[in-house]
Amino acid sequence: METNLSNFLIIISFYLIGSVPFAVLTYKLMSTEDPRKLGSANPGATNMYRIAGPLPGILTFLGDFLKGFIPIYLLAEQNITISYVYSFFILFGHMFPIFNKFKGGKGVAASFGFILALDYLTGLSILLVWLVVFLFKKISGLSAVISFIFLPIFIFIFINSIILFLIALFHSLIILFNHRTNIRELMKDSV
């Protein structure tokens, strides 16, 4: 009974942590444009960067990153597989935040945070892929898509677990689905 209660409390807590809309908080604290009304209308770091500049974009990224990193870092030593499953509640909170009418970001910054907390080699590797692609192409969406295509591969290389590989594959599919509009645009541009 206690275990069920503690699991429920973790799930609810992680969803609520994930729901904190750092783009909205940043825009209100810094009196910038509302990211929900301009650009892609997505309350995430990339849109915040586009409409308000580097500092609001970086602050939004750090907030979203840390809300993924801190809870999982505190939990990950117990069991990495269970921690990875719990991390999805942070992700779902980020994508469907109760504090912003269930309209959230695409989940990249929060995912980077909890992946780094789960396994630093995997986390650093996907961050490096994102950075290299961005330096060459200057397209955040493309960088995210490619880094998350590599996620299950890095999980398998560094952790060598079929279960974690499958969880990472599911995670990647969520991120790719969230970037489906970006993928369509990139495919149009390449034709």
C-alpha atoms as a PDB file:
ATOM      1  CA  MET A   1       0.000   0.000   0.000  1.00  0.00           C
ATOM      2  CA  GLU A   2       2.806   2.430   0.916  1.00  0.00           C
ATOM      3  CA  THR A   3       4.637   1.598  -2.323  1.00  0.00           C
ATOM      4  CA  ASN A   4       1.526   2.342  -4.401  1.00  0.00           C
ATOM      5  CA  LEU A   5       1.067   5.641  -2.591  1.00  0.00           C
ATOM      6  CA  SER A   6       4.702   6.674  -3.047  1.00  0.00           C
ATOM      7  CA  ASN A   7       4.565   5.745  -6.767  1.00  0.00           C
ATOM      8  CA  PHE A   8       1.402   7.803  -7.166  1.00  0.00           C
ATOM      9  CA  LEU A   9       2.979  10.781  -5.385  1.00  0.00           C
ATOM     10  CA  ILE A  10       6.091  10.587  -7.597  1.00  0.00           C
ATOM     11  CA  ILE A  11       3.951  10.431 -10.748  1.00  0.00           C
ATOM     12  CA  ILE A  12       1.805  13.419  -9.714  1.00  0.00           C
ATOM     13  CA  SER A  13       4.839  15.408  -8.507  1.00  0.00           C
ATOM     14  CA  PHE A  14       6.785  14.750 -11.704  1.00  0.00           C
ATOM     15  CA  TYR A  15       3.812  15.703 -13.876  1.00  0.00           C
ATOM     16  CA  LEU A  16       3.388  18.967 -11.939  1.00  0.00           C
ATOM     17  CA  ILE A  17       7.132  19.724 -12.146  1.00  0.00           C
ATOM     18  CA  GLY A  18       7.008  19.060 -15.886  1.00  0.00           C
ATOM     19  CA  SER A  19       3.988  21.364 -16.170  1.00  0.00           C
ATOM     20  CA  VAL A  20       5.901  24.443 -14.976  1.00  0.00           C
ATOM     21  CA  PRO A  21       5.970  26.617 -18.147  1.00  0.00           C
ATOM     22  CA  PHE A  22       9.372  28.297 -18.026  1.00  0.00           C
ATOM     23  CA  ALA A  23       8.790  30.127 -21.317  1.00  0.00           C
ATOM     24  CA  VAL A  24       5.696  31.751 -19.827  1.00  0.00           C
ATOM     25  CA  LEU A  25       7.490  32.534 -16.552  1.00  0.00           C
ATOM     26  CA  THR A  26      10.415  34.039 -18.470  1.00  0.00           C
ATOM     27  CA  TYR A  27       8.172  36.211 -20.627  1.00  0.00           C
ATOM     28  CA  LYS A  28       6.318  37.505 -17.558  1.00  0.00           C
ATOM     29  CA  LEU A  29       9.476  38.126 -15.502  1.00  0.00           C
ATOM     30  CA  MET A  30      11.370  39.782 -18.356  1.00  0.00           C
ATOM     31  CA  SER A  31       8.356  41.520 -19.965  1.00  0.00           C
ATOM     32  CA  THR A  32       9.091  40.038 -23.384  1.00  0.00           C
ATOM     33  CA  GLU A  33       6.605  39.053 -26.076  1.00  0.00           C
ATOM     34  CA  ASP A  34       4.296  36.137 -25.223  1.00  0.00           C
ATOM     35  CA  PRO A  35       5.724  32.989 -26.883  1.00  0.00           C
ATOM     36  CA  ARG A  36       2.213  31.497 -27.026  1.00  0.00           C
ATOM     37  CA  LYS A  37       1.096  34.245 -29.415  1.00  0.00           C
ATOM     38  CA  LEU A  38       4.100  34.764 -31.697  1.00  0.00           C
ATOM     39  CA  GLY A  39       6.428  32.688 -33.860  1.00  0.00           C
ATOM     40  CA  SER A  40       5.468  29.022 -33.701  1.00  0.00           C
ATOM     41  CA  ALA A  41       3.192  29.786 -30.700  1.00  0.00           C
ATOM     42  CA  ASN A  42       5.139  27.080 -28.895  1.00  0.00           C
ATOM     43  CA  PRO A  43       6.099  27.842 -25.271  1.00  0.00           C
ATOM     44  CA  GLY A  44       9.598  26.438 -25.593  1.00  0.00           C
ATOM     45  CA  ALA A  45      13.190  27.640 -25.610  1.00  0.00           C
ATOM     46  CA  THR A  46      13.595  27.836 -29.405  1.00  0.00           C
ATOM     47  CA  ASN A  47      10.526  30.006 -29.924  1.00  0.00           C
ATOM     48  CA  MET A  48      11.480  32.142 -26.940  1.00  0.00           C
ATOM     49  CA  TYR A  49      14.924  32.653 -28.479  1.00  0.00           C
ATOM     50  CA  ARG A  50      13.389  33.635 -31.821  1.00  0.00           C
ATOM     51  CA  ILE A  51      10.906  36.167 -30.505  1.00  0.00           C
ATOM     52  CA  ALA A  52      12.730  37.578 -27.465  1.00  0.00           C
ATOM     53  CA  GLY A  53      16.450  36.984 -28.000  1.00  0.00           C
ATOM     54  CA  PRO A  54      19.295  34.932 -26.521  1.00  0.00           C
ATOM     55  CA  LEU A  55      18.884  35.592 -22.786  1.00  0.00           C
ATOM     56  CA  PRO A  56      15.155  34.695 -22.549  1.00  0.00           C
ATOM     57  CA  GLY A  57      15.810  31.693 -24.794  1.00  0.00           C
ATOM     58  CA  ILE A  58      18.699  30.475 -22.631  1.00  0.00           C
ATOM     59  CA  LEU A  59      16.755  31.021 -19.383  1.00  0.00           C
ATOM     60  CA  THR A  60      13.805  29.063 -20.781  1.00  0.00           C
ATOM     61  CA  PHE A  61      16.112  26.242 -21.870  1.00  0.00           C
ATOM     62  CA  LEU A  62      17.805  26.115 -18.450  1.00  0.00           C
ATOM     63  CA  GLY A  63      14.460  26.026 -16.637  1.00  0.00           C
ATOM     64  CA  ASP A  64      13.114  23.239 -18.844  1.00  0.00           C
ATOM     65  CA  PHE A  65      16.420  21.367 -18.685  1.00  0.00           C
ATOM     66  CA  LEU A  66      16.637  21.532 -14.883  1.00  0.00           C
ATOM     67  CA  LYS A  67      13.043  20.433 -14.334  1.00  0.00           C
ATOM     68  CA  GLY A  68      14.033  17.272 -16.207  1.00  0.00           C
ATOM     69  CA  PHE A  69      17.452  16.889 -14.636  1.00  0.00           C
ATOM     70  CA  ILE A  70      16.943  17.513 -10.906  1.00  0.00           C
ATOM     71  CA  PRO A  71      14.057  15.106 -10.100  1.00  0.00           C
ATOM     72  CA  ILE A  72      15.580  12.236 -12.077  1.00  0.00           C
ATOM     73  CA  TYR A  73      19.082  12.886 -10.736  1.00  0.00           C
ATOM     74  CA  LEU A  74      17.673  12.519  -7.217  1.00  0.00           C
ATOM     75  CA  LEU A  75      15.906   9.291  -8.195  1.00  0.00           C
ATOM     76  CA  ALA A  76      18.181   7.644 -10.789  1.00  0.00           C
ATOM     77  CA  GLU A  77      20.588   5.896  -8.428  1.00  0.00           C
ATOM     78  CA  GLN A  78      17.802   3.632  -7.173  1.00  0.00           C
ATOM     79  CA  ASN A  79      16.877   2.020 -10.516  1.00  0.00           C
ATOM     80  CA  ILE A  80      17.640   3.492 -13.932  1.00  0.00           C
ATOM     81  CA  THR A  81      14.804   1.664 -15.723  1.00  0.00           C
ATOM     82  CA  ILE A  82      12.137   2.773 -13.248  1.00  0.00           C
ATOM     83  CA  SER A  83      13.605   6.283 -13.223  1.00  0.00           C
ATOM     84  CA  TYR A  84      13.383   6.435 -17.028  1.00  0.00           C
ATOM     85  CA  VAL A  85       9.726   5.385 -16.884  1.00  0.00           C
ATOM     86  CA  TYR A  86       9.025   8.041 -14.236  1.00  0.00           C
ATOM     87  CA  SER A  87      10.752  10.660 -16.391  1.00  0.00           C
ATOM     88  CA  PHE A  88       7.956  10.346 -18.952  1.00  0.00           C
ATOM     89  CA  PHE A  89       5.614  12.023 -16.465  1.00  0.00           C
ATOM     90  CA  ILE A  90       7.917  15.072 -16.510  1.00  0.00           C
ATOM     91  CA  LEU A  91       7.834  14.903 -20.309  1.00  0.00           C
ATOM     92  CA  PHE A  92       4.032  14.611 -20.440  1.00  0.00           C
ATOM     93  CA  GLY A  93       3.758  17.504 -17.972  1.00  0.00           C
ATOM     94  CA  HIS A  94       5.995  19.578 -20.239  1.00  0.00           C
ATOM     95  CA  MET A  95       3.989  18.694 -23.359  1.00  0.00           C
ATOM     96  CA  PHE A  96       0.548  18.942 -21.714  1.00  0.00           C
ATOM     97  CA  PRO A  97       0.992  21.351 -18.771  1.00  0.00           C
ATOM     98  CA  ILE A  98      -1.920  21.792 -16.410  1.00  0.00           C
ATOM     99  CA  PHE A  99      -0.656  25.326 -15.715  1.00  0.00           C
ATOM    100  CA  ASN A 100      -0.937  26.383 -19.373  1.00  0.00           C
ATOM    101  CA  LYS A 101      -4.213  24.862 -20.590  1.00  0.00           C
ATOM    102  CA  PHE A 102      -2.416  21.630 -21.592  1.00  0.00           C
ATOM    103  CA  LYS A 103      -0.498  23.416 -24.376  1.00  0.00           C
ATOM    104  CA  GLY A 104       3.226  22.903 -23.879  1.00  0.00           C
ATOM    105  CA  GLY A 105       6.584  22.525 -25.543  1.00  0.00           C
ATOM    106  CA  LYS A 106       7.982  19.725 -27.660  1.00  0.00           C
ATOM    107  CA  GLY A 107       9.951  18.130 -24.841  1.00  0.00           C
ATOM    108  CA  VAL A 108      13.534  18.482 -26.048  1.00  0.00           C
ATOM    109  CA  ALA A 109      15.097  20.534 -23.229  1.00  0.00           C
ATOM    110  CA  ALA A 110      13.355  18.554 -20.473  1.00  0.00           C
ATOM    111  CA  SER A 111      14.391  15.308 -22.207  1.00  0.00           C
ATOM    112  CA  PHE A 112      18.001  16.448 -22.410  1.00  0.00           C
ATOM    113  CA  GLY A 113      17.851  17.099 -18.667  1.00  0.00           C
ATOM    114  CA  PHE A 114      16.526  13.735 -17.576  1.00  0.00           C
ATOM    115  CA  ILE A 115      18.633  11.754 -20.073  1.00  0.00           C
ATOM    116  CA  LEU A 116      21.767  13.420 -18.684  1.00  0.00           C
ATOM    117  CA  ALA A 117      20.595  12.538 -15.168  1.00  0.00           C
ATOM    118  CA  LEU A 118      19.958   8.906 -16.142  1.00  0.00           C
ATOM    119  CA  ASP A 119      23.297   8.386 -17.896  1.00  0.00           C
ATOM    120  CA  TYR A 120      25.802  11.181 -18.378  1.00  0.00           C
ATOM    121  CA  LEU A 121      27.526   9.554 -21.394  1.00  0.00           C
ATOM    122  CA  THR A 122      24.243   9.200 -23.274  1.00  0.00           C
ATOM    123  CA  GLY A 123      23.166  12.690 -22.227  1.00  0.00           C
ATOM    124  CA  LEU A 124      26.433  14.318 -23.306  1.00  0.00           C
ATOM    125  CA  SER A 125      26.380  12.373 -26.584  1.00  0.00           C
ATOM    126  CA  ILE A 126      22.930  13.529 -27.680  1.00  0.00           C
ATOM    127  CA  LEU A 127      23.741  17.088 -26.597  1.00  0.00           C
ATOM    128  CA  LEU A 128      26.906  16.913 -28.700  1.00  0.00           C
ATOM    129  CA  VAL A 129      24.954  15.622 -31.724  1.00  0.00           C
ATOM    130  CA  TRP A 130      22.448  18.475 -31.291  1.00  0.00           C
ATOM    131  CA  LEU A 131      25.277  21.020 -31.062  1.00  0.00           C
ATOM    132  CA  VAL A 132      27.210  19.708 -34.087  1.00  0.00           C
ATOM    133  CA  VAL A 133      24.095  19.623 -36.306  1.00  0.00           C
ATOM    134  CA  PHE A 134      23.071  23.090 -35.120  1.00  0.00           C
ATOM    135  CA  LEU A 135      26.542  24.545 -35.807  1.00  0.00           C
ATOM    136  CA  PHE A 136      26.384  23.254 -39.382  1.00  0.00           C
ATOM    137  CA  LYS A 137      22.704  23.776 -40.221  1.00  0.00           C
ATOM    138  CA  LYS A 138      21.476  26.430 -37.732  1.00  0.00           C
ATOM    139  CA  ILE A 139      18.097  24.655 -37.475  1.00  0.00           C
ATOM    140  CA  SER A 140      17.035  23.716 -33.946  1.00  0.00           C
ATOM    141  CA  GLY A 141      14.263  21.329 -35.064  1.00  0.00           C
ATOM    142  CA  LEU A 142      16.624  19.382 -37.330  1.00  0.00           C
ATOM    143  CA  SER A 143      19.192  19.194 -34.519  1.00  0.00           C
ATOM    144  CA  ALA A 144      16.548  17.789 -32.157  1.00  0.00           C
ATOM    145  CA  VAL A 145      15.300  15.219 -34.683  1.00  0.00           C
ATOM    146  CA  ILE A 146      18.794  13.905 -35.440  1.00  0.00           C
ATOM    147  CA  SER A 147      19.922  13.818 -31.803  1.00  0.00           C
ATOM    148  CA  PHE A 148      16.847  11.798 -30.799  1.00  0.00           C
ATOM    149  CA  ILE A 149      17.290   9.396 -33.717  1.00  0.00           C
ATOM    150  CA  PHE A 150      20.664   8.635 -32.119  1.00  0.00           C
ATOM    151  CA  LEU A 151      19.252   8.338 -28.568  1.00  0.00           C
ATOM    152  CA  PRO A 152      18.348   4.588 -28.629  1.00  0.00           C
ATOM    153  CA  ILE A 153      21.703   3.809 -30.269  1.00  0.00           C
ATOM    154  CA  PHE A 154      23.648   5.639 -27.550  1.00  0.00           C
ATOM    155  CA  ILE A 155      21.532   3.986 -24.834  1.00  0.00           C
ATOM    156  CA  PHE A 156      22.358   0.585 -26.277  1.00  0.00           C
ATOM    157  CA  ILE A 157      26.070   1.380 -26.668  1.00  0.00           C
ATOM    158  CA  PHE A 158      26.610   2.878 -23.210  1.00  0.00           C
ATOM    159  CA  ILE A 159      24.136   0.910 -21.096  1.00  0.00           C
ATOM    160  CA  ASN A 160      23.650  -2.249 -23.197  1.00  0.00           C
ATOM    161  CA  SER A 161      20.077  -2.915 -22.088  1.00  0.00           C
ATOM    162  CA  ILE A 162      17.311  -4.078 -24.439  1.00  0.00           C
ATOM    163  CA  ILE A 163      14.617  -2.746 -22.076  1.00  0.00           C
ATOM    164  CA  LEU A 164      16.218   0.706 -21.921  1.00  0.00           C
ATOM    165  CA  PHE A 165      16.765   0.611 -25.689  1.00  0.00           C
ATOM    166  CA  LEU A 166      13.019   0.019 -26.203  1.00  0.00           C
ATOM    167  CA  ILE A 167      12.086   2.770 -23.737  1.00  0.00           C
ATOM    168  CA  ALA A 168      14.503   5.128 -25.537  1.00  0.00           C
ATOM    169  CA  LEU A 169      12.978   4.135 -28.891  1.00  0.00           C
ATOM    170  CA  PHE A 170       9.518   5.048 -27.563  1.00  0.00           C
ATOM    171  CA  HIS A 171      10.967   8.313 -26.211  1.00  0.00           C
ATOM    172  CA  SER A 172      12.495   9.139 -29.606  1.00  0.00           C
ATOM    173  CA  LEU A 173       9.199   8.451 -31.388  1.00  0.00           C
ATOM    174  CA  ILE A 174       7.432  10.918 -29.065  1.00  0.00           C
ATOM    175  CA  ILE A 175      10.002  13.634 -29.833  1.00  0.00           C
ATOM    176  CA  LEU A 176       9.870  12.906 -33.587  1.00  0.00           C
ATOM    177  CA  PHE A 177       6.059  13.018 -33.511  1.00  0.00           C
ATOM    178  CA  ASN A 178       6.222  16.401 -31.761  1.00  0.00           C
ATOM    179  CA  HIS A 179       8.505  17.598 -34.565  1.00  0.00           C
ATOM    180  CA  ARG A 180       6.357  16.211 -37.403  1.00  0.00           C
ATOM    181  CA  THR A 181       5.671  19.721 -38.774  1.00  0.00           C
ATOM    182  CA  ASN A 182       9.408  20.504 -38.763  1.00  0.00           C
ATOM    183  CA  ILE A 183      10.124  17.174 -40.492  1.00  0.00           C
ATOM    184  CA  ARG A 184       7.553  17.914 -43.226  1.00  0.00           C
ATOM    185  CA  GLU A 185       9.043  21.393 -43.788  1.00  0.00           C
ATOM    186  CA  LEU A 186      12.578  19.997 -43.932  1.00  0.00           C
ATOM    187  CA  MET A 187      11.481  17.348 -46.457  1.00  0.00           C
ATOM    188  CA  LYS A 188       9.807  20.015 -48.621  1.00  0.00           C
ATOM    189  CA  ASP A 189      12.954  22.153 -48.549  1.00  0.00           C
ATOM    190  CA  SER A 190      15.152  19.216 -49.553  1.00  0.00           C
ATOM    191  CA  VAL A 191      13.020  18.321 -52.619  1.00  0.00           C
END
